[in-house]
Amino acid sequence: MVGPSMNDAERATASNQLKAGFVVTVALSGTFVAFFVGGSLLQIAVATVGAAILGAVLLVYLTRLGSEFNTPRNR
């Protein structure tokens, strides 16, 4: 039997987890940069929030860019 290994609900869940992981990775990157340059706790917190916002904006941009190249599939 050949067919898709995931149904639509599982695919949506996996996509959302991947998107959340992307934003968290960008946020942690900002956190580590602020920490390793010797920032105060406030600076680290601001860097984390700023990087999370930047990650979300980047995710929206990449999602829209990717949707231009995505062809509809019959699944």
PDB file of N, CA and C in Angstrom:
ATOM      1  N   MET A   1       0.846  -1.171   0.000  1.00  0.00           N
ATOM      2  CA  MET A   1       0.000   0.000   0.000  1.00  0.00           C
ATOM      3  C   MET A   1       0.897   1.241   0.000  1.00  0.00           C
ATOM      4  N   VAL A   2       0.659   2.094  -0.954  1.00  0.00           N
ATOM      5  CA  VAL A   2       1.465   3.297  -1.082  1.00  0.00           C
ATOM      6  C   VAL A   2       0.562   4.503  -0.872  1.00  0.00           C
ATOM      7  N   GLY A   3       1.049   5.434  -0.092  1.00  0.00           N
ATOM      8  CA  GLY A   3       0.274   6.642   0.162  1.00  0.00           C
ATOM      9  C   GLY A   3       1.025   7.535   1.121  1.00  0.00           C
ATOM     10  N   PRO A   4       0.435   8.665   1.447  1.00  0.00           N
ATOM     11  CA  PRO A   4       1.101   9.576   2.381  1.00  0.00           C
ATOM     12  C   PRO A   4       1.218   8.954   3.767  1.00  0.00           C
ATOM     13  N   SER A   5       2.340   9.183   4.402  1.00  0.00           N
ATOM     14  CA  SER A   5       2.572   8.604   5.724  1.00  0.00           C
ATOM     15  C   SER A   5       1.978   9.455   6.838  1.00  0.00           C
ATOM     16  N   MET A   6       1.552  10.666   6.509  1.00  0.00           N
ATOM     17  CA  MET A   6       0.978  11.563   7.514  1.00  0.00           C
ATOM     18  C   MET A   6      -0.353  12.094   6.993  1.00  0.00           C
ATOM     19  N   ASN A   7      -1.320  12.225   7.904  1.00  0.00           N
ATOM     20  CA  ASN A   7      -2.566  12.865   7.495  1.00  0.00           C
ATOM     21  C   ASN A   7      -2.417  14.376   7.653  1.00  0.00           C
ATOM     22  N   ASP A   8      -3.456  15.115   7.287  1.00  0.00           N
ATOM     23  CA  ASP A   8      -3.358  16.576   7.296  1.00  0.00           C
ATOM     24  C   ASP A   8      -3.146  17.145   8.693  1.00  0.00           C
ATOM     25  N   ALA A   9      -3.779  16.555   9.703  1.00  0.00           N
ATOM     26  CA  ALA A   9      -3.621  17.051  11.075  1.00  0.00           C
ATOM     27  C   ALA A   9      -2.192  16.837  11.572  1.00  0.00           C
ATOM     28  N   GLU A  10      -1.627  15.676  11.284  1.00  0.00           N
ATOM     29  CA  GLU A  10      -0.244  15.405  11.692  1.00  0.00           C
ATOM     30  C   GLU A  10       0.730  16.323  10.962  1.00  0.00           C
ATOM     31  N   ARG A  11       0.452  16.582   9.695  1.00  0.00           N
ATOM     32  CA  ARG A  11       1.320  17.462   8.909  1.00  0.00           C
ATOM     33  C   ARG A  11       1.281  18.887   9.462  1.00  0.00           C
ATOM     34  N   ALA A  12       0.085  19.358   9.841  1.00  0.00           N
ATOM     35  CA  ALA A  12      -0.050  20.706  10.406  1.00  0.00           C
ATOM     36  C   ALA A  12       0.665  20.803  11.749  1.00  0.00           C
ATOM     37  N   THR A  13       0.538  19.760  12.576  1.00  0.00           N
ATOM     38  CA  THR A  13       1.219  19.744  13.873  1.00  0.00           C
ATOM     39  C   THR A  13       2.738  19.773  13.694  1.00  0.00           C
ATOM     40  N   ALA A  14       3.241  18.961  12.787  1.00  0.00           N
ATOM     41  CA  ALA A  14       4.686  18.931  12.540  1.00  0.00           C
ATOM     42  C   ALA A  14       5.178  20.271  12.001  1.00  0.00           C
ATOM     43  N   SER A  15       4.394  20.889  11.137  1.00  0.00           N
ATOM     44  CA  SER A  15       4.773  22.193  10.587  1.00  0.00           C
ATOM     45  C   SER A  15       4.828  23.253  11.681  1.00  0.00           C
ATOM     46  N   ASN A  16       3.838  23.255  12.564  1.00  0.00           N
ATOM     47  CA  ASN A  16       3.824  24.227  13.662  1.00  0.00           C
ATOM     48  C   ASN A  16       4.988  24.009  14.620  1.00  0.00           C
ATOM     49  N   GLN A  17       5.334  22.754  14.883  1.00  0.00           N
ATOM     50  CA  GLN A  17       6.469  22.469  15.761  1.00  0.00           C
ATOM     51  C   GLN A  17       7.776  22.930  15.122  1.00  0.00           C
ATOM     52  N   LEU A  18       7.905  22.742  13.833  1.00  0.00           N
ATOM     53  CA  LEU A  18       9.106  23.192  13.133  1.00  0.00           C
ATOM     54  C   LEU A  18       9.215  24.712  13.157  1.00  0.00           C
ATOM     55  N   LYS A  19       8.095  25.400  12.967  1.00  0.00           N
ATOM     56  CA  LYS A  19       8.090  26.863  13.007  1.00  0.00           C
ATOM     57  C   LYS A  19       8.451  27.373  14.400  1.00  0.00           C
ATOM     58  N   ALA A  20       7.883  26.754  15.429  1.00  0.00           N
ATOM     59  CA  ALA A  20       8.202  27.160  16.804  1.00  0.00           C
ATOM     60  C   ALA A  20       9.674  26.906  17.107  1.00  0.00           C
ATOM     61  N   GLY A  21      10.194  25.789  16.652  1.00  0.00           N
ATOM     62  CA  GLY A  21      11.605  25.488  16.849  1.00  0.00           C
ATOM     63  C   GLY A  21      12.513  26.491  16.170  1.00  0.00           C
ATOM     64  N   PHE A  22      12.116  26.969  15.005  1.00  0.00           N
ATOM     65  CA  PHE A  22      12.893  27.983  14.290  1.00  0.00           C
ATOM     66  C   PHE A  22      12.949  29.274  15.092  1.00  0.00           C
ATOM     67  N   VAL A  23      11.796  29.728  15.586  1.00  0.00           N
ATOM     68  CA  VAL A  23      11.749  30.979  16.357  1.00  0.00           C
ATOM     69  C   VAL A  23      12.554  30.835  17.646  1.00  0.00           C
ATOM     70  N   VAL A  24      12.442  29.700  18.320  1.00  0.00           N
ATOM     71  CA  VAL A  24      13.193  29.474  19.563  1.00  0.00           C
ATOM     72  C   VAL A  24      14.694  29.455  19.281  1.00  0.00           C
ATOM     73  N   THR A  25      15.100  28.859  18.177  1.00  0.00           N
ATOM     74  CA  THR A  25      16.524  28.821  17.824  1.00  0.00           C
ATOM     75  C   THR A  25      17.083  30.222  17.594  1.00  0.00           C
ATOM     76  N   VAL A  26      16.333  31.058  16.890  1.00  0.00           N
ATOM     77  CA  VAL A  26      16.780  32.438  16.661  1.00  0.00           C
ATOM     78  C   VAL A  26      16.826  33.203  17.986  1.00  0.00           C
ATOM     79  N   ALA A  27      15.823  32.989  18.847  1.00  0.00           N
ATOM     80  CA  ALA A  27      15.798  33.672  20.150  1.00  0.00           C
ATOM     81  C   ALA A  27      16.979  33.242  21.018  1.00  0.00           C
ATOM     82  N   LEU A  28      17.277  31.953  21.036  1.00  0.00           N
ATOM     83  CA  LEU A  28      18.418  31.476  21.824  1.00  0.00           C
ATOM     84  C   LEU A  28      19.738  32.001  21.273  1.00  0.00           C
ATOM     85  N   SER A  29      19.806  32.190  19.979  1.00  0.00           N
ATOM     86  CA  SER A  29      21.011  32.761  19.388  1.00  0.00           C
ATOM     87  C   SER A  29      21.257  34.163  19.934  1.00  0.00           C
ATOM     88  N   GLY A  30      20.210  34.977  19.977  1.00  0.00           N
ATOM     89  CA  GLY A  30      20.341  36.319  20.549  1.00  0.00           C
ATOM     90  C   GLY A  30      20.700  36.282  22.020  1.00  0.00           C
ATOM     91  N   THR A  31      20.131  35.318  22.731  1.00  0.00           N
ATOM     92  CA  THR A  31      20.430  35.164  24.156  1.00  0.00           C
ATOM     93  C   THR A  31      21.907  34.846  24.376  1.00  0.00           C
ATOM     94  N   PHE A  32      22.417  33.884  23.617  1.00  0.00           N
ATOM     95  CA  PHE A  32      23.812  33.485  23.788  1.00  0.00           C
ATOM     96  C   PHE A  32      24.779  34.597  23.392  1.00  0.00           C
ATOM     97  N   VAL A  33      24.468  35.326  22.354  1.00  0.00           N
ATOM     98  CA  VAL A  33      25.338  36.436  21.955  1.00  0.00           C
ATOM     99  C   VAL A  33      25.399  37.466  23.073  1.00  0.00           C
ATOM    100  N   ALA A  34      24.235  37.846  23.620  1.00  0.00           N
ATOM    101  CA  ALA A  34      24.207  38.838  24.701  1.00  0.00           C
ATOM    102  C   ALA A  34      24.936  38.319  25.940  1.00  0.00           C
ATOM    103  N   PHE A  35      24.788  37.041  26.228  1.00  0.00           N
ATOM    104  CA  PHE A  35      25.438  36.461  27.405  1.00  0.00           C
ATOM    105  C   PHE A  35      26.958  36.447  27.245  1.00  0.00           C
ATOM    106  N   PHE A  36      27.430  36.014  26.092  1.00  0.00           N
ATOM    107  CA  PHE A  36      28.868  35.849  25.913  1.00  0.00           C
ATOM    108  C   PHE A  36      29.621  37.157  25.711  1.00  0.00           C
ATOM    109  N   VAL A  37      28.926  38.239  25.394  1.00  0.00           N
ATOM    110  CA  VAL A  37      29.616  39.525  25.330  1.00  0.00           C
ATOM    111  C   VAL A  37      29.570  40.231  26.678  1.00  0.00           C
ATOM    112  N   GLY A  38      28.990  39.575  27.685  1.00  0.00           N
ATOM    113  CA  GLY A  38      29.010  40.116  29.035  1.00  0.00           C
ATOM    114  C   GLY A  38      27.870  41.060  29.351  1.00  0.00           C
ATOM    115  N   GLY A  39      26.724  40.850  28.757  1.00  0.00           N
ATOM    116  CA  GLY A  39      25.580  41.720  29.010  1.00  0.00           C
ATOM    117  C   GLY A  39      24.966  41.473  30.381  1.00  0.00           C
ATOM    118  N   SER A  40      24.288  42.495  30.891  1.00  0.00           N
ATOM    119  CA  SER A  40      23.573  42.344  32.162  1.00  0.00           C
ATOM    120  C   SER A  40      22.320  41.502  31.930  1.00  0.00           C
ATOM    121  N   LEU A  41      21.634  41.155  33.020  1.00  0.00           N
ATOM    122  CA  LEU A  41      20.413  40.364  32.886  1.00  0.00           C
ATOM    123  C   LEU A  41      19.360  41.093  32.060  1.00  0.00           C
ATOM    124  N   LEU A  42      19.256  42.388  32.246  1.00  0.00           N
ATOM    125  CA  LEU A  42      18.294  43.164  31.462  1.00  0.00           C
ATOM    126  C   LEU A  42      18.659  43.142  29.977  1.00  0.00           C
ATOM    127  N   GLN A  43      19.924  43.298  29.676  1.00  0.00           N
ATOM    128  CA  GLN A  43      20.356  43.272  28.279  1.00  0.00           C
ATOM    129  C   GLN A  43      20.130  41.898  27.651  1.00  0.00           C
ATOM    130  N   ILE A  44      20.364  40.854  28.426  1.00  0.00           N
ATOM    131  CA  ILE A  44      20.128  39.497  27.925  1.00  0.00           C
ATOM    132  C   ILE A  44      18.641  39.282  27.664  1.00  0.00           C
ATOM    133  N   ALA A  45      17.796  39.768  28.578  1.00  0.00           N
ATOM    134  CA  ALA A  45      16.346  39.629  28.399  1.00  0.00           C
ATOM    135  C   ALA A  45      15.869  40.401  27.176  1.00  0.00           C
ATOM    136  N   VAL A  46      16.371  41.612  27.007  1.00  0.00           N
ATOM    137  CA  VAL A  46      15.981  42.417  25.843  1.00  0.00           C
ATOM    138  C   VAL A  46      16.464  41.751  24.554  1.00  0.00           C
ATOM    139  N   ALA A  47      17.657  41.215  24.571  1.00  0.00           N
ATOM    140  CA  ALA A  47      18.181  40.529  23.388  1.00  0.00           C
ATOM    141  C   ALA A  47      17.347  39.294  23.060  1.00  0.00           C
ATOM    142  N   THR A  48      16.908  38.578  24.081  1.00  0.00           N
ATOM    143  CA  THR A  48      16.084  37.385  23.864  1.00  0.00           C
ATOM    144  C   THR A  48      14.745  37.753  23.239  1.00  0.00           C
ATOM    145  N   VAL A  49      14.091  38.755  23.798  1.00  0.00           N
ATOM    146  CA  VAL A  49      12.794  39.184  23.266  1.00  0.00           C
ATOM    147  C   VAL A  49      12.957  39.747  21.855  1.00  0.00           C
ATOM    148  N   GLY A  50      13.975  40.564  21.668  1.00  0.00           N
ATOM    149  CA  GLY A  50      14.215  41.131  20.343  1.00  0.00           C
ATOM    150  C   GLY A  50      14.510  40.064  19.303  1.00  0.00           C
ATOM    151  N   ALA A  51      15.308  39.088  19.677  1.00  0.00           N
ATOM    152  CA  ALA A  51      15.628  38.011  18.738  1.00  0.00           C
ATOM    153  C   ALA A  51      14.407  37.146  18.452  1.00  0.00           C
ATOM    154  N   ALA A  52      13.545  36.946  19.452  1.00  0.00           N
ATOM    155  CA  ALA A  52      12.315  36.180  19.223  1.00  0.00           C
ATOM    156  C   ALA A  52      11.392  36.914  18.251  1.00  0.00           C
ATOM    157  N   ILE A  53      11.285  38.222  18.413  1.00  0.00           N
ATOM    158  CA  ILE A  53      10.474  39.020  17.481  1.00  0.00           C
ATOM    159  C   ILE A  53      11.082  38.961  16.083  1.00  0.00           C
ATOM    160  N   LEU A  54      12.393  39.102  16.006  1.00  0.00           N
ATOM    161  CA  LEU A  54      13.072  39.009  14.716  1.00  0.00           C
ATOM    162  C   LEU A  54      12.862  37.630  14.087  1.00  0.00           C
ATOM    163  N   GLY A  55      12.928  36.585  14.899  1.00  0.00           N
ATOM    164  CA  GLY A  55      12.692  35.233  14.392  1.00  0.00           C
ATOM    165  C   GLY A  55      11.285  35.062  13.855  1.00  0.00           C
ATOM    166  N   ALA A  56      10.298  35.643  14.545  1.00  0.00           N
ATOM    167  CA  ALA A  56       8.912  35.556  14.077  1.00  0.00           C
ATOM    168  C   ALA A  56       8.729  36.311  12.763  1.00  0.00           C
ATOM    169  N   VAL A  57       9.337  37.491  12.666  1.00  0.00           N
ATOM    170  CA  VAL A  57       9.246  38.267  11.421  1.00  0.00           C
ATOM    171  C   VAL A  57       9.934  37.517  10.281  1.00  0.00           C
ATOM    172  N   LEU A  58      11.087  36.947  10.560  1.00  0.00           N
ATOM    173  CA  LEU A  58      11.800  36.179   9.548  1.00  0.00           C
ATOM    174  C   LEU A  58      10.993  34.953   9.128  1.00  0.00           C
ATOM    175  N   LEU A  59      10.325  34.317  10.071  1.00  0.00           N
ATOM    176  CA  LEU A  59       9.486  33.163   9.761  1.00  0.00           C
ATOM    177  C   LEU A  59       8.334  33.552   8.838  1.00  0.00           C
ATOM    178  N   VAL A  60       7.690  34.671   9.120  1.00  0.00           N
ATOM    179  CA  VAL A  60       6.598  35.138   8.256  1.00  0.00           C
ATOM    180  C   VAL A  60       7.124  35.408   6.850  1.00  0.00           C
ATOM    181  N   TYR A  61       8.263  36.067   6.760  1.00  0.00           N
ATOM    182  CA  TYR A  61       8.854  36.367   5.449  1.00  0.00           C
ATOM    183  C   TYR A  61       9.176  35.083   4.686  1.00  0.00           C
ATOM    184  N   LEU A  62       9.833  34.147   5.346  1.00  0.00           N
ATOM    185  CA  LEU A  62      10.213  32.906   4.673  1.00  0.00           C
ATOM    186  C   LEU A  62       8.997  32.068   4.303  1.00  0.00           C
ATOM    187  N   THR A  63       7.957  32.099   5.132  1.00  0.00           N
ATOM    188  CA  THR A  63       6.734  31.361   4.822  1.00  0.00           C
ATOM    189  C   THR A  63       6.066  31.931   3.577  1.00  0.00           C
ATOM    190  N   ARG A  64       5.988  33.250   3.506  1.00  0.00           N
ATOM    191  CA  ARG A  64       5.395  33.879   2.315  1.00  0.00           C
ATOM    192  C   ARG A  64       6.250  33.647   1.079  1.00  0.00           C
ATOM    193  N   LEU A  65       7.549  33.716   1.240  1.00  0.00           N
ATOM    194  CA  LEU A  65       8.440  33.466   0.115  1.00  0.00           C
ATOM    195  C   LEU A  65       8.305  32.020  -0.357  1.00  0.00           C
ATOM    196  N   GLY A  66       8.248  31.107   0.577  1.00  0.00           N
ATOM    197  CA  GLY A  66       8.105  29.695   0.224  1.00  0.00           C
ATOM    198  C   GLY A  66       6.775  29.375  -0.417  1.00  0.00           C
ATOM    199  N   SER A  67       5.726  30.089  -0.033  1.00  0.00           N
ATOM    200  CA  SER A  67       4.411  29.809  -0.612  1.00  0.00           C
ATOM    201  C   SER A  67       4.347  30.212  -2.083  1.00  0.00           C
ATOM    202  N   GLU A  68       5.213  31.108  -2.513  1.00  0.00           N
ATOM    203  CA  GLU A  68       5.255  31.478  -3.929  1.00  0.00           C
ATOM    204  C   GLU A  68       5.755  30.326  -4.794  1.00  0.00           C
ATOM    205  N   PHE A  69       6.584  29.471  -4.226  1.00  0.00           N
ATOM    206  CA  PHE A  69       7.156  28.362  -4.975  1.00  0.00           C
ATOM    207  C   PHE A  69       6.452  27.044  -4.699  1.00  0.00           C
ATOM    208  N   ASN A  70       5.511  27.050  -3.784  1.00  0.00           N
ATOM    209  CA  ASN A  70       4.808  25.832  -3.409  1.00  0.00           C
ATOM    210  C   ASN A  70       3.690  25.568  -4.406  1.00  0.00           C
ATOM    211  N   THR A  71       3.694  24.389  -4.968  1.00  0.00           N
ATOM    212  CA  THR A  71       2.628  24.020  -5.889  1.00  0.00           C
ATOM    213  C   THR A  71       1.591  23.197  -5.141  1.00  0.00           C
ATOM    214  N   PRO A  72       0.320  23.394  -5.426  1.00  0.00           N
ATOM    215  CA  PRO A  72      -0.709  22.597  -4.749  1.00  0.00           C
ATOM    216  C   PRO A  72      -0.558  21.120  -5.091  1.00  0.00           C
ATOM    217  N   ARG A  73      -0.725  20.297  -4.087  1.00  0.00           N
ATOM    218  CA  ARG A  73      -0.609  18.851  -4.270  1.00  0.00           C
ATOM    219  C   ARG A  73      -1.938  18.206  -3.936  1.00  0.00           C
ATOM    220  N   ASN A  74      -2.243  17.180  -4.642  1.00  0.00           N
ATOM    221  CA  ASN A  74      -3.468  16.431  -4.357  1.00  0.00           C
ATOM    222  C   ASN A  74      -3.158  15.358  -3.334  1.00  0.00           C
ATOM    223  N   ARG A  75      -3.470  15.651  -2.079  1.00  0.00           N
ATOM    224  CA  ARG A  75      -3.215  14.678  -1.012  1.00  0.00           C
ATOM    225  C   ARG A  75      -4.486  14.393  -0.292  1.00  0.00           C
TER     226      ARG A  75
END
